[in-house]
Every structure is written in C-alpha cells, then in structure tokens.
Protein backbone atom coordinates (compact mmCIF):
# COMPACT_ATOMS: atom_id res chain seq x y z
CA MET A 1 15.98 315.25 1.53
CA HIS A 2 16.29 318.22 -0.81
CA LEU A 3 19.38 320.44 -0.55
CA PHE A 4 18.04 323.45 -2.41
CA GLY A 5 14.66 324.33 -1.01
CA LYS A 6 11.41 322.46 -1.15
CA ALA A 7 10.53 320.14 -3.99
CA LYS A 8 8.05 321.44 -6.50
CA PRO A 9 4.58 319.97 -6.02
CA ALA A 10 3.52 317.50 -8.61
CA ALA A 11 1.41 318.93 -11.39
CA PRO A 12 -2.26 318.07 -11.05
CA SER A 13 -3.66 315.53 -13.43
CA PRO A 14 -6.11 316.71 -16.08
CA SER A 15 -9.03 315.21 -14.17
CA ASP A 16 -7.94 316.98 -10.95
CA ALA A 17 -7.63 320.28 -12.81
CA ILE A 18 -11.07 319.88 -14.34
CA SER A 19 -12.55 319.05 -10.93
CA LYS A 20 -10.94 322.12 -9.37
CA LEU A 21 -12.19 324.39 -12.13
CA LYS A 22 -15.73 323.05 -11.74
CA ASP A 23 -15.56 323.78 -8.01
CA SER A 24 -14.53 327.36 -8.80
CA GLU A 25 -17.34 327.66 -11.31
CA MET A 26 -19.86 326.56 -8.71
CA MET A 27 -18.48 329.05 -6.16
CA LEU A 28 -18.75 331.89 -8.67
CA SER A 29 -22.27 330.87 -9.53
CA LYS A 30 -23.29 331.00 -5.87
CA ARG A 31 -21.62 334.40 -5.50
CA GLN A 32 -23.51 335.70 -8.52
CA ALA A 33 -26.78 334.47 -7.06
CA PHE A 34 -26.01 336.24 -3.78
CA LEU A 35 -25.20 339.53 -5.54
CA GLN A 36 -28.38 339.25 -7.59
CA THR A 37 -30.41 339.13 -4.37
CA LYS A 38 -28.58 342.28 -3.23
CA ILE A 39 -29.39 343.98 -6.52
CA ASP A 40 -33.04 343.03 -6.22
CA ALA A 41 -33.13 344.31 -2.63
CA GLU A 42 -31.59 347.63 -3.55
CA MET A 43 -34.04 348.00 -6.41
CA ALA A 44 -36.91 347.46 -3.99
CA GLN A 45 -35.47 350.14 -1.64
CA ILE A 46 -35.10 352.56 -4.52
CA LYS A 47 -38.79 352.20 -5.40
CA LYS A 48 -39.82 352.71 -1.76
CA LYS A 49 -37.71 355.82 -1.32
CA LEU A 50 -38.97 357.29 -4.55
CA ALA A 51 -42.49 356.65 -3.36
CA VAL A 52 -41.88 358.84 -0.27
CA LYS A 53 -39.94 361.44 -2.24
CA ASP A 54 -36.61 360.45 -0.60
CA LYS A 55 -34.38 361.06 -3.60
CA LYS A 56 -31.18 361.20 -1.55
CA GLY A 57 -31.84 357.78 -0.04
CA ALA A 58 -32.82 356.43 -3.45
CA LEU A 59 -29.57 357.75 -4.92
CA THR A 60 -27.55 355.98 -2.22
CA CYS A 61 -29.37 352.72 -2.94
CA MET A 62 -28.76 353.24 -6.64
CA LYS A 63 -25.00 353.57 -6.08
CA ARG A 64 -24.88 350.31 -4.09
CA LYS A 65 -26.93 348.63 -6.79
CA LYS A 66 -24.42 349.72 -9.43
CA LEU A 67 -21.55 348.33 -7.36
CA TYR A 68 -23.31 344.99 -7.01
CA GLU A 69 -24.06 344.91 -10.73
CA SER A 70 -20.43 345.69 -11.55
CA SER A 71 -19.24 342.86 -9.30
CA CYS A 72 -21.81 340.54 -10.83
CA ASP A 73 -20.58 341.40 -14.34
CA GLN A 74 -16.99 340.64 -13.29
CA LEU A 75 -18.08 337.29 -11.86
CA GLU A 76 -19.89 336.51 -15.12
CA LYS A 77 -16.69 337.11 -17.12
CA MET A 78 -14.68 334.97 -14.68
CA THR A 79 -17.26 332.21 -14.98
CA ILE A 80 -17.04 332.28 -18.78
CA ASN A 81 -13.23 332.05 -18.59
CA ILE A 82 -13.42 329.07 -16.25
CA GLN A 83 -15.98 327.33 -18.47
CA THR A 84 -13.70 327.90 -21.45
CA GLN A 85 -10.79 326.32 -19.54
CA ILE A 86 -12.93 323.34 -18.55
CA ILE A 87 -14.03 322.75 -22.13
CA THR A 88 -10.45 323.07 -23.37
CA LEU A 89 -9.11 320.63 -20.77
CA GLU A 90 -11.88 318.12 -21.47
CA GLY A 91 -11.18 318.36 -25.21
CA ALA A 92 -7.46 317.84 -24.62
CA THR A 93 -8.22 314.83 -22.43
CA VAL A 94 -10.39 313.33 -25.15
CA ASN A 95 -7.62 313.92 -27.68
CA VAL A 96 -5.09 312.16 -25.46
CA GLU A 97 -7.43 309.20 -24.96
CA ALA A 98 -8.08 309.02 -28.69
CA PHE A 99 -4.34 309.12 -29.35
CA GLN A 100 -3.70 306.33 -26.83
CA ALA A 101 -6.49 304.25 -28.35
CA ASN A 102 -5.03 304.77 -31.82
CA LYS A 103 -1.58 303.82 -30.53
CA MET A 104 -2.96 300.62 -28.99
CA PHE A 105 -4.70 299.84 -32.26
CA THR A 106 -1.47 300.29 -34.18
CA GLU A 107 0.49 298.07 -31.79
CA GLY A 108 -2.23 295.44 -31.92
CA MET A 109 -2.22 295.40 -35.71
CA LYS A 110 1.56 295.07 -35.74
CA GLN A 111 1.35 292.05 -33.43
CA ILE A 112 -1.37 290.49 -35.57
CA HIS A 113 0.49 290.96 -38.82
CA GLY A 114 3.96 290.16 -37.47
CA ASN A 115 6.07 289.25 -40.48
CA LEU A 116 3.03 289.13 -42.72
CA THR A 117 3.51 291.06 -45.95
CA VAL A 118 1.51 291.61 -49.12
CA ASP A 119 3.95 289.46 -51.08
CA LYS A 120 3.49 286.59 -48.64
CA VAL A 121 -0.28 286.90 -48.87
CA GLU A 122 -0.19 286.87 -52.67
CA GLU A 123 2.13 283.87 -52.63
CA GLN A 124 -0.18 282.04 -50.23
CA LEU A 125 -3.21 282.80 -52.39
CA GLN A 126 -1.35 281.56 -55.47
CA ASP A 127 -0.44 278.31 -53.68
CA ALA A 128 -4.04 277.89 -52.57
CA GLN A 129 -5.28 278.39 -56.15
CA GLU A 130 -2.78 275.83 -57.45
CA GLN A 131 -3.98 273.29 -54.89
CA MET A 132 -7.58 273.94 -55.88
CA ASP A 133 -6.65 273.39 -59.53
CA VAL A 134 -4.93 270.11 -58.62
CA GLN A 135 -7.98 269.01 -56.66
CA LYS A 136 -10.22 269.79 -59.62
CA GLU A 137 -8.01 267.77 -61.97
CA ILE A 138 -8.06 264.82 -59.57
CA THR A 139 -11.84 265.01 -59.23
CA ASP A 140 -12.27 265.18 -63.03
CA ALA A 141 -9.97 262.20 -63.48
CA LEU A 142 -11.80 260.07 -60.92
CA SER A 143 -15.17 261.02 -62.36
CA SER A 144 -14.00 260.07 -65.86
CA GLN A 145 -12.78 256.62 -64.71
CA LEU A 146 -15.76 255.75 -62.53
CA SER A 147 -18.60 257.01 -64.70
CA ALA A 148 -20.14 254.61 -67.25
CA GLU A 149 -19.83 255.47 -70.92
CA THR A 150 -22.98 256.97 -72.35
CA ALA A 151 -23.91 257.49 -75.98
CA ASP A 152 -23.97 260.93 -77.46
CA ASP A 153 -27.34 262.70 -77.51
CA ASP A 154 -27.30 262.84 -81.34
CA GLU A 155 -26.75 259.09 -81.54
CA LEU A 156 -29.61 258.42 -79.14
CA LEU A 157 -31.95 260.67 -81.12
CA ALA A 158 -31.01 258.93 -84.39
CA GLU A 159 -31.67 255.52 -82.84
CA LEU A 160 -35.00 256.70 -81.49
CA GLU A 161 -36.06 258.01 -84.91
CA GLU A 162 -35.07 254.66 -86.47
CA LEU A 163 -37.27 252.77 -84.00
CA GLU A 164 -40.17 255.09 -84.72
CA GLN A 165 -39.75 254.55 -88.48
CA GLU A 166 -39.70 250.75 -88.03
CA ASP A 167 -42.91 250.92 -85.99
CA MET A 168 -44.61 253.04 -88.66
CA ASP A 169 -43.48 250.63 -91.41
CA GLU A 170 -44.88 247.65 -89.50
CA LYS A 171 -48.24 249.36 -89.00
CA LEU A 172 -48.36 250.33 -92.68
CA ALA A 173 -47.66 246.71 -93.72
CA HIS A 174 -50.61 245.45 -91.65
CA VAL A 175 -52.94 248.01 -93.21
CA THR A 176 -51.82 247.06 -96.77
CA LEU A 177 -52.32 243.33 -96.09
CA ALA A 178 -55.81 243.90 -94.77
CA ASN A 179 -56.78 245.87 -97.88
CA THR A 180 -55.48 243.23 -100.39
CA THR A 181 -57.08 240.08 -98.74
CA PRO A 182 -60.19 238.92 -100.81
CA LEU A 183 -63.45 238.97 -98.97
CA LEU A 184 -65.21 235.60 -98.63
CA PRO A 185 -68.97 235.39 -99.02
CA ASP A 186 -70.92 235.30 -95.82
CA ALA A 187 -72.21 231.94 -94.67
CA PRO A 188 -75.89 231.42 -95.30
CA ILE A 189 -78.14 232.22 -92.37
CA GLY A 190 -81.35 230.31 -91.72
CA ASP A 191 -82.68 227.46 -93.80
CA PRO A 192 -80.72 226.78 -96.97
CA THR A 193 -82.68 227.35 -100.14
CA LEU A 194 -82.08 225.55 -103.36
CA ALA A 195 -81.73 227.23 -106.70
CA PRO A 196 -84.90 227.01 -108.78
CA ALA A 197 -83.23 224.85 -111.45
CA ALA A 198 -81.82 222.41 -108.89
CA ALA A 199 -85.10 222.25 -107.09
CA ALA A 200 -86.91 221.43 -110.32
CA ALA A 201 -84.48 218.64 -111.14
CA MET A 202 -84.97 216.98 -107.71
CA THR A 203 -87.70 214.43 -107.20
CA ASP A 204 -90.16 214.67 -104.39
CA GLU A 205 -88.25 212.11 -102.34
CA GLU A 206 -84.95 213.87 -102.88
CA ARG A 207 -86.52 217.20 -101.91
CA GLU A 208 -87.98 215.70 -98.75
CA LEU A 209 -84.65 214.09 -97.85
CA ALA A 210 -82.83 217.40 -98.34
CA GLU A 211 -85.31 219.22 -96.11
CA LEU A 212 -84.88 216.58 -93.42
CA GLU A 213 -81.10 216.93 -93.55
CA ALA A 214 -81.42 220.64 -93.32
CA SER A 215 -83.65 220.45 -90.24
CA MET A 216 -81.09 218.20 -88.48
CA MET A 217 -78.20 220.64 -88.99
C-alpha cells in the first residue's frame, strides 16, 4: 500500500520500447498509405473537373489535396523520428550486450588465472628447463656407459690403408717371383729323334732297339 499516491509504473525494457516503436511505425505507414489514396483520388477529381471547365470544383479538390499532402509530410517526418529512435535503442542494446559479454570474459579470465602471475610462469618454465637439462645429462650418461667403444674414424681409415698396402705388396711379390723363375725347355712331342752324331755312332742293332723302346713309351 502506497501512502503518497500511486506507484510509478516500471520503466519498459529496451526490447519492449523497441517493439512499441515498431508498432507506431507500422501505424504511421498505414496512415500514410491511406492519405496517399486520398491524394490520388483528389488528383483524379481535379483532372475531371478541369475537363468539364469546372475550375471552382477543381480548386476545392486542390485544397483538399494540399491538406492531405501536408498531413502525409508530417507523418513522414514522424516516421523518420521513430526509425531513428528504434536504431538508437537497438544500438544501445547491442552495446549493453557487448559490455556484458566483455565483463563475463574478464571474470572468466580472472577465474582461470587465479593467483597465476608472470613471475610464477617464468619460474615454472625455468624449473621445466632445468628438469629437461637433468634428463639430458642422465640420458647422455646412460648412453656413454651402455654403448660399446668404437675406434676413431681416422684410426679406422689408417688401418684400412695399411691392409690395402699389404695386399698390394703381396701381389707385387708374386709378379716378381714369376718373372725371375727360369723357363724349362718344353718336353719333346712325338717320336724322339737322335742327334746325327749319336745316330751315326749307334750300330744297327742299337738303333733298332732304341726305336722299339720309343714305340713302347
């Protein structure tokens, strides 16, 4: 119960105000359409009266036409004002929604970060890097202990060149030995022949015996 008069009505919400303004805009638009039909009708009457030389009647129609046109112009200005108000209210509503969204974003980020600071992040990253360095040292140590020892590349190349030189020396020795070995005369092929002097010194029996031995070989 209110002691001092009636309570003030609650202010309409932005959406209610926009809806009401759009209703007014529609009503004005219908009114303009109605007046335009009146203007067109009066114009038609003016032409008819002029056709029959009724200038007085045409003048009366012209006056009504001017009144309708004046009213129509006023409605046009009112419509523009209402459209301006609608656009302004819609823009303000969008601004409020954008502000609320930004506020929610800010609150959400605060909850996510909590007590998180740049110093804490840098400290955490430093600790993580130290742990990675420790892990690398452990891995290097284990790899050094478990891997078999291997000779240096230079040592392996030197040993390989030494083996190649020994192989070349061995081949060269075989070639030298083959060149210095005296060649033996080839074995006689076919029936052996006696030297003329030996043949002359042999008797007929000895020659016949030698030929028989040769045929048995």
